[in-house]
C-alpha atoms as a PDB file:
ATOM      1  CA  MET A   1      13.601   0.363   1.813  1.00  0.00           C
ATOM      2  CA  THR A   2      17.158  -0.367   2.937  1.00  0.00           C
ATOM      3  CA  LEU A   3      17.745  -1.077   6.632  1.00  0.00           C
ATOM      4  CA  ASP A   4      20.912  -0.940   8.718  1.00  0.00           C
ATOM      5  CA  SER A   5      21.049  -4.314  10.475  1.00  0.00           C
ATOM      6  CA  ASP A   6      23.523  -2.976  13.058  1.00  0.00           C
ATOM      7  CA  ASN A   7      21.094  -0.315  14.236  1.00  0.00           C
ATOM      8  CA  LEU A   8      17.838  -1.921  13.190  1.00  0.00           C
ATOM      9  CA  ILE A   9      15.136  -0.029  15.054  1.00  0.00           C
ATOM     10  CA  ASP A  10      16.580   3.441  14.310  1.00  0.00           C
ATOM     11  CA  SER A  11      16.960   2.430  10.684  1.00  0.00           C
ATOM     12  CA  ILE A  12      13.323   1.272  10.537  1.00  0.00           C
ATOM     13  CA  MET A  13      12.122   4.551  12.048  1.00  0.00           C
ATOM     14  CA  ALA A  14      14.157   6.552   9.531  1.00  0.00           C
ATOM     15  CA  SER A  15      12.781   4.450   6.669  1.00  0.00           C
ATOM     16  CA  LEU A  16       9.202   4.985   7.848  1.00  0.00           C
ATOM     17  CA  ASP A  17       9.813   8.732   7.903  1.00  0.00           C
ATOM     18  CA  ARG A  18      10.896   8.566   4.257  1.00  0.00           C
ATOM     19  CA  VAL A  19       7.725   6.778   3.133  1.00  0.00           C
ATOM     20  CA  LYS A  20       5.386   9.501   1.914  1.00  0.00           C
ATOM     21  CA  PHE A  21       2.146   9.327  -0.019  1.00  0.00           C
ATOM     22  CA  ILE A  22       2.090  11.094  -3.352  1.00  0.00           C
ATOM     23  CA  LYS A  23       0.136  14.337  -2.954  1.00  0.00           C
ATOM     24  CA  THR A  24      -2.672  15.069  -5.385  1.00  0.00           C
ATOM     25  CA  GLY A  25      -1.059  18.424  -6.165  1.00  0.00           C
ATOM     26  CA  ASP A  26       2.119  16.655  -7.302  1.00  0.00           C
ATOM     27  CA  ILE A  27       0.293  14.690  -9.999  1.00  0.00           C
ATOM     28  CA  PRO A  28       0.255  16.465 -13.382  1.00  0.00           C
ATOM     29  CA  ASP A  29      -3.111  17.866 -14.451  1.00  0.00           C
ATOM     30  CA  ILE A  30      -2.408  16.756 -18.019  1.00  0.00           C
ATOM     31  CA  SER A  31      -2.938  13.195 -19.234  1.00  0.00           C
ATOM     32  CA  LEU A  32       0.165  11.012 -19.471  1.00  0.00           C
ATOM     33  CA  TYR A  33       1.300   8.248 -21.779  1.00  0.00           C
ATOM     34  CA  MET A  34       2.232   4.871 -20.287  1.00  0.00           C
ATOM     35  CA  ASP A  35       5.992   5.569 -20.134  1.00  0.00           C
ATOM     36  CA  GLN A  36       5.342   8.845 -18.322  1.00  0.00           C
ATOM     37  CA  VAL A  37       3.045   7.097 -15.833  1.00  0.00           C
ATOM     38  CA  THR A  38       5.589   4.393 -14.930  1.00  0.00           C
ATOM     39  CA  ALA A  39       8.409   6.953 -14.697  1.00  0.00           C
ATOM     40  CA  PHE A  40       6.340   9.186 -12.399  1.00  0.00           C
ATOM     41  CA  ILE A  41       5.321   6.328 -10.078  1.00  0.00           C
ATOM     42  CA  ASP A  42       8.869   4.916  -9.951  1.00  0.00           C
ATOM     43  CA  GLU A  43      10.292   8.319  -9.047  1.00  0.00           C
ATOM     44  CA  ARG A  44       7.676   9.280  -6.455  1.00  0.00           C
ATOM     45  CA  LEU A  45       7.460   5.910  -4.700  1.00  0.00           C
ATOM     46  CA  LYS A  46      11.091   4.817  -4.990  1.00  0.00           C
ATOM     47  CA  ASN A  47      11.522   4.964  -1.208  1.00  0.00           C
ATOM     48  CA  THR A  48       9.099   2.036  -0.881  1.00  0.00           C
ATOM     49  CA  ALA A  49      11.104  -0.157  -3.271  1.00  0.00           C
ATOM     50  CA  ARG A  50      12.963  -3.077  -1.731  1.00  0.00           C
ATOM     51  CA  HIS A  51      15.904  -2.726  -4.120  1.00  0.00           C
ATOM     52  CA  HIS A  52      16.549   0.836  -5.220  1.00  0.00           C
ATOM     53  CA  GLY A  53      17.297   1.199  -8.900  1.00  0.00           C
ATOM     54  CA  SER A  54      16.323  -2.348  -9.901  1.00  0.00           C
ATOM     55  CA  ASP A  55      12.720  -2.768  -8.719  1.00  0.00           C
ATOM     56  CA  ARG A  56      10.020  -1.521 -11.096  1.00  0.00           C
ATOM     57  CA  LEU A  57       7.065  -0.499  -8.974  1.00  0.00           C
ATOM     58  CA  LEU A  58       4.578  -0.467 -11.843  1.00  0.00           C
ATOM     59  CA  THR A  59       5.246  -1.915 -15.276  1.00  0.00           C
ATOM     60  CA  LYS A  60       3.375  -1.525 -18.566  1.00  0.00           C
ATOM     61  CA  THR A  61       2.188  -5.117 -18.283  1.00  0.00           C
ATOM     62  CA  MET A  62       0.833  -4.520 -14.769  1.00  0.00           C
ATOM     63  CA  ILE A  63      -1.062  -1.387 -15.805  1.00  0.00           C
ATOM     64  CA  ASN A  64      -2.506  -3.077 -18.913  1.00  0.00           C
ATOM     65  CA  ASN A  65      -3.672  -5.988 -16.738  1.00  0.00           C
ATOM     66  CA  TYR A  66      -5.253  -3.605 -14.222  1.00  0.00           C
ATOM     67  CA  ALA A  67      -7.295  -1.975 -17.000  1.00  0.00           C
ATOM     68  CA  LYS A  68      -8.161  -5.382 -18.494  1.00  0.00           C
ATOM     69  CA  ASN A  69      -9.360  -6.635 -15.083  1.00  0.00           C
ATOM     70  CA  ASP A  70     -11.407  -3.476 -14.385  1.00  0.00           C
ATOM     71  CA  LEU A  71      -9.227  -2.288 -11.512  1.00  0.00           C
ATOM     72  CA  ILE A  72      -8.940   1.034 -13.340  1.00  0.00           C
ATOM     73  CA  PRO A  73     -10.974   2.426 -16.252  1.00  0.00           C
ATOM     74  CA  PRO A  74      -9.341   2.065 -19.673  1.00  0.00           C
ATOM     75  CA  PRO A  75      -7.120   4.968 -20.784  1.00  0.00           C
ATOM     76  CA  ASP A  76      -8.476   7.607 -23.153  1.00  0.00           C
ATOM     77  CA  LYS A  77      -6.521   7.386 -26.418  1.00  0.00           C
ATOM     78  CA  LYS A  78      -3.678   5.638 -24.583  1.00  0.00           C
ATOM     79  CA  LYS A  79      -3.455   8.462 -22.050  1.00  0.00           C
ATOM     80  CA  TYR A  80      -3.999   8.287 -18.277  1.00  0.00           C
ATOM     81  CA  ASP A  81      -5.418  11.282 -16.425  1.00  0.00           C
ATOM     82  CA  LYS A  82      -5.064  12.327 -12.792  1.00  0.00           C
ATOM     83  CA  GLU A  83      -7.867  10.051 -11.614  1.00  0.00           C
ATOM     84  CA  HIS A  84      -6.227   7.074 -13.319  1.00  0.00           C
ATOM     85  CA  MET A  85      -3.035   7.917 -11.441  1.00  0.00           C
ATOM     86  CA  LEU A  86      -4.778   8.046  -8.064  1.00  0.00           C
ATOM     87  CA  LEU A  87      -6.455   4.696  -8.691  1.00  0.00           C
ATOM     88  CA  LEU A  88      -3.104   3.191  -9.734  1.00  0.00           C
ATOM     89  CA  ILE A  89      -1.599   4.371  -6.435  1.00  0.00           C
ATOM     90  CA  PHE A  90      -4.421   2.643  -4.543  1.00  0.00           C
ATOM     91  CA  VAL A  91      -3.782  -0.543  -6.539  1.00  0.00           C
ATOM     92  CA  TYR A  92      -0.055  -0.302  -5.828  1.00  0.00           C
ATOM     93  CA  TYR A  93      -0.666  -0.368  -2.066  1.00  0.00           C
ATOM     94  CA  PHE A  94      -3.517  -2.875  -2.160  1.00  0.00           C
ATOM     95  CA  LYS A  95      -1.852  -5.489  -4.392  1.00  0.00           C
ATOM     96  CA  ASN A  96       0.598  -6.633  -1.721  1.00  0.00           C
ATOM     97  CA  ILE A  97      -2.145  -7.695   0.692  1.00  0.00           C
ATOM     98  CA  MET A  98      -5.344  -8.108  -1.334  1.00  0.00           C
ATOM     99  CA  SER A  99      -6.360 -10.391  -4.186  1.00  0.00           C
ATOM    100  CA  ILE A 100      -7.271  -8.957  -7.591  1.00  0.00           C
ATOM    101  CA  SER A 101     -10.943  -9.811  -6.985  1.00  0.00           C
ATOM    102  CA  ASP A 102     -10.913  -8.012  -3.617  1.00  0.00           C
ATOM    103  CA  ILE A 103      -9.310  -4.929  -5.162  1.00  0.00           C
ATOM    104  CA  GLN A 104     -11.993  -5.013  -7.863  1.00  0.00           C
ATOM    105  CA  GLU A 105     -14.669  -5.212  -5.169  1.00  0.00           C
ATOM    106  CA  MET A 106     -13.299  -2.112  -3.434  1.00  0.00           C
ATOM    107  CA  LEU A 107     -12.408   0.045  -6.430  1.00  0.00           C
ATOM    108  CA  ARG A 108     -15.373  -0.704  -8.712  1.00  0.00           C
ATOM    109  CA  PRO A 109     -17.841   1.365  -6.601  1.00  0.00           C
ATOM    110  CA  ILE A 110     -15.277   4.182  -6.503  1.00  0.00           C
ATOM    111  CA  THR A 111     -14.874   4.274 -10.285  1.00  0.00           C
ATOM    112  CA  GLU A 112     -18.600   3.795 -10.988  1.00  0.00           C
ATOM    113  CA  ARG A 113     -19.672   6.590  -8.667  1.00  0.00           C
ATOM    114  CA  TYR A 114     -16.865   9.116  -8.935  1.00  0.00           C
ATOM    115  CA  PHE A 115     -14.608   8.585 -11.972  1.00  0.00           C
ATOM    116  CA  GLY A 116     -14.979  11.553 -14.308  1.00  0.00           C
ATOM    117  CA  LYS A 117     -17.666  13.061 -12.101  1.00  0.00           C
ATOM    118  CA  GLU A 118     -17.806  16.480 -10.437  1.00  0.00           C
ATOM    119  CA  GLY A 119     -19.176  17.226  -6.993  1.00  0.00           C
ATOM    120  CA  ASP A 120     -18.187  17.474  -3.342  1.00  0.00           C
ATOM    121  CA  THR A 121     -16.910  13.894  -3.340  1.00  0.00           C
ATOM    122  CA  THR A 122     -14.354  13.042  -6.012  1.00  0.00           C
ATOM    123  CA  ILE A 123     -11.628  10.448  -6.404  1.00  0.00           C
ATOM    124  CA  ALA A 124      -9.122  13.156  -5.464  1.00  0.00           C
ATOM    125  CA  SER A 125     -11.013  14.092  -2.271  1.00  0.00           C
ATOM    126  CA  ILE A 126     -11.344  10.402  -1.299  1.00  0.00           C
ATOM    127  CA  TYR A 127      -7.606   9.911  -1.836  1.00  0.00           C
ATOM    128  CA  GLU A 128      -6.737  12.981   0.252  1.00  0.00           C
ATOM    129  CA  GLU A 129      -9.051  11.894   3.080  1.00  0.00           C
ATOM    130  CA  VAL A 130      -7.717   8.350   3.444  1.00  0.00           C
ATOM    131  CA  THR A 131      -4.029   9.213   2.968  1.00  0.00           C
ATOM    132  CA  GLY A 132      -4.434  11.990   5.523  1.00  0.00           C
ATOM    133  CA  ILE A 133      -5.745   9.448   8.041  1.00  0.00           C
ATOM    134  CA  ALA A 134      -2.815   7.133   7.271  1.00  0.00           C
ATOM    135  CA  ASN A 135      -0.297   9.933   7.813  1.00  0.00           C
ATOM    136  CA  ASP A 136      -1.918  10.786  11.156  1.00  0.00           C
ATOM    137  CA  GLN A 137      -1.455   7.165  12.249  1.00  0.00           C
ATOM    138  CA  LEU A 138       2.275   7.063  11.491  1.00  0.00           C
ATOM    139  CA  GLU A 139       3.439   7.935  15.008  1.00  0.00           C
ATOM    140  CA  SER A 140       1.236   5.291  16.658  1.00  0.00           C
ATOM    141  CA  LEU A 141       2.491   2.777  14.075  1.00  0.00           C
ATOM    142  CA  LYS A 142       6.082   3.638  14.969  1.00  0.00           C
ATOM    143  CA  GLU A 143       5.324   3.177  18.661  1.00  0.00           C
ATOM    144  CA  ASP A 144       3.814  -0.241  17.944  1.00  0.00           C
ATOM    145  CA  VAL A 145       6.916  -1.284  15.973  1.00  0.00           C
ATOM    146  CA  ARG A 146       9.195  -0.067  18.780  1.00  0.00           C
ATOM    147  CA  GLU A 147       7.224  -2.139  21.315  1.00  0.00           C
ATOM    148  CA  LYS A 148       7.414  -5.262  19.154  1.00  0.00           C
ATOM    149  CA  TYR A 149      11.147  -4.730  18.786  1.00  0.00           C
ATOM    150  CA  ARG A 150      11.540  -4.314  22.558  1.00  0.00           C
ATOM    151  CA  VAL A 151       9.600  -7.502  23.280  1.00  0.00           C
ATOM    152  CA  SER A 152      11.513  -9.513  20.659  1.00  0.00           C
ATOM    153  CA  SER A 153      14.832  -8.232  22.047  1.00  0.00           C
ATOM    154  CA  GLU A 154      13.989  -9.889  25.359  1.00  0.00           C
ATOM    155  CA  THR A 155      13.381 -13.321  23.816  1.00  0.00           C
ATOM    156  CA  PHE A 156      15.851 -16.240  23.812  1.00  0.00           C
ATOM    157  CA  GLY A 157      17.779 -14.846  26.769  1.00  0.00           C
ATOM    158  CA  ASP A 158      19.052 -18.318  27.630  1.00  0.00           C
ATOM    159  CA  VAL A 159      20.876 -18.750  24.296  1.00  0.00           C
ATOM    160  CA  GLN A 160      24.584 -18.405  24.999  1.00  0.00           C
ATOM    161  CA  ASN A 161      25.895 -17.976  21.487  1.00  0.00           C
ATOM    162  CA  GLU A 162      25.619 -14.250  20.716  1.00  0.00           C
ATOM    163  CA  GLU A 163      25.278 -14.656  16.955  1.00  0.00           C
ATOM    164  CA  GLU A 164      22.614 -17.350  17.363  1.00  0.00           C
ATOM    165  CA  GLN A 165      20.738 -15.250  19.913  1.00  0.00           C
ATOM    166  CA  GLU A 166      20.793 -12.209  17.598  1.00  0.00           C
ATOM    167  CA  PHE A 167      19.344 -14.261  14.731  1.00  0.00           C
ATOM    168  CA  LEU A 168      16.592 -15.776  16.918  1.00  0.00           C
ATOM    169  CA  GLN A 169      15.630 -12.355  18.256  1.00  0.00           C
ATOM    170  CA  MET A 170      15.449 -10.999  14.700  1.00  0.00           C
ATOM    171  CA  PHE A 171      13.331 -14.037  13.759  1.00  0.00           C
ATOM    172  CA  SER A 172      11.062 -13.312  16.725  1.00  0.00           C
ATOM    173  CA  PHE A 173      10.690  -9.686  15.606  1.00  0.00           C
ATOM    174  CA  ILE A 174       9.793 -10.744  12.060  1.00  0.00           C
ATOM    175  CA  CYS A 175       7.261 -13.257  13.402  1.00  0.00           C
ATOM    176  CA  MET A 176       5.560 -10.581  15.497  1.00  0.00           C
ATOM    177  CA  LEU A 177       5.341  -8.210  12.534  1.00  0.00           C
ATOM    178  CA  SER A 178       4.150 -11.030  10.258  1.00  0.00           C
ATOM    179  CA  PHE A 179       1.436 -12.125  12.684  1.00  0.00           C
ATOM    180  CA  ASP A 180       0.227  -8.526  12.848  1.00  0.00           C
ATOM    181  CA  VAL A 181       0.031  -8.361   9.049  1.00  0.00           C
ATOM    182  CA  TYR A 182      -1.688 -11.775   8.913  1.00  0.00           C
ATOM    183  CA  ILE A 183      -4.395 -10.753  11.396  1.00  0.00           C
ATOM    184  CA  LYS A 184      -5.038  -7.463   9.607  1.00  0.00           C
ATOM    185  CA  LYS A 185      -5.213  -9.274   6.269  1.00  0.00           C
ATOM    186  CA  LEU A 186      -7.849 -11.625   7.731  1.00  0.00           C
ATOM    187  CA  MET A 187      -9.781  -8.609   9.002  1.00  0.00           C
ATOM    188  CA  ILE A 188      -9.668  -6.954   5.570  1.00  0.00           C
ATOM    189  CA  GLU A 189     -10.941 -10.137   3.917  1.00  0.00           C
ATOM    190  CA  LYS A 190     -13.779 -10.472   6.453  1.00  0.00           C
ATOM    191  CA  ILE A 191     -14.816  -6.848   5.910  1.00  0.00           C
ATOM    192  CA  ILE A 192     -14.821  -7.272   2.111  1.00  0.00           C
ATOM    193  CA  ASP A 193     -16.736 -10.567   2.359  1.00  0.00           C
ATOM    194  CA  GLY A 194     -19.307  -8.859   4.570  1.00  0.00           C
ATOM    195  CA  TYR A 195     -19.666  -5.988   2.103  1.00  0.00           C
ATOM    196  CA  THR A 196     -19.993  -8.425  -0.834  1.00  0.00           C
ATOM    197  CA  GLU A 197     -22.613 -10.503   0.995  1.00  0.00           C
ATOM    198  CA  LYS A 198     -24.613  -7.403   1.947  1.00  0.00           C
ATOM    199  CA  LYS A 199     -24.458  -6.129  -1.637  1.00  0.00           C
ATOM    200  CA  GLY A 200     -25.627  -9.532  -2.922  1.00  0.00           C
ATOM    201  CA  LYS A 201     -28.629  -9.521  -0.567  1.00  0.00           C
ATOM    202  CA  LYS A 202     -29.621  -6.050  -1.773  1.00  0.00           C
ATOM    203  CA  LYS A 203     -29.494  -7.263  -5.382  1.00  0.00           C
ATOM    204  CA  ASP A 204     -31.686 -10.265  -4.507  1.00  0.00           C
ATOM    205  CA  LYS A 205     -34.276  -7.978  -2.983  1.00  0.00           C
END
């Protein structure tokens, strides 16, 4: 996600518009070998990469570790089907803000209840539901970012040096965004801890 520092907020908005979830219909219905999986993910999610062309979004080692740590079910004869792909996309987004154990806690019930199963609720329908909600929230997210940028642009007004002031305002903007991420990360952890505790009590009973 490359940003134009000279026109920061417009560049951020344009970058957010380019970030799209992979649609279930875009994922091949045939099972894929590891190289095909990494190539597909790299191509479809390249707009989220920090450094285009050099960042590998998912590597063979990562995927093998995810299967080894029960984040995804093991492949069938070294092939990954559509449900594997959807779970890998969830892991890709989760891994930047959640620990491996927390991802396990969230995805294990999904795989146990729905992987390879037919019915009204499937891994594909769950994916479509939650990504649809996220897409609907994009405009409100953009408004929140614009407001944080506006507030940060009004900080350090007493700094005379223009270059110094610009840096401090950028620092202020990053701090506001970081604090937002930090609070939401704490909320996620509290929700998962509450779910884990509730599940443990049910097992004790």
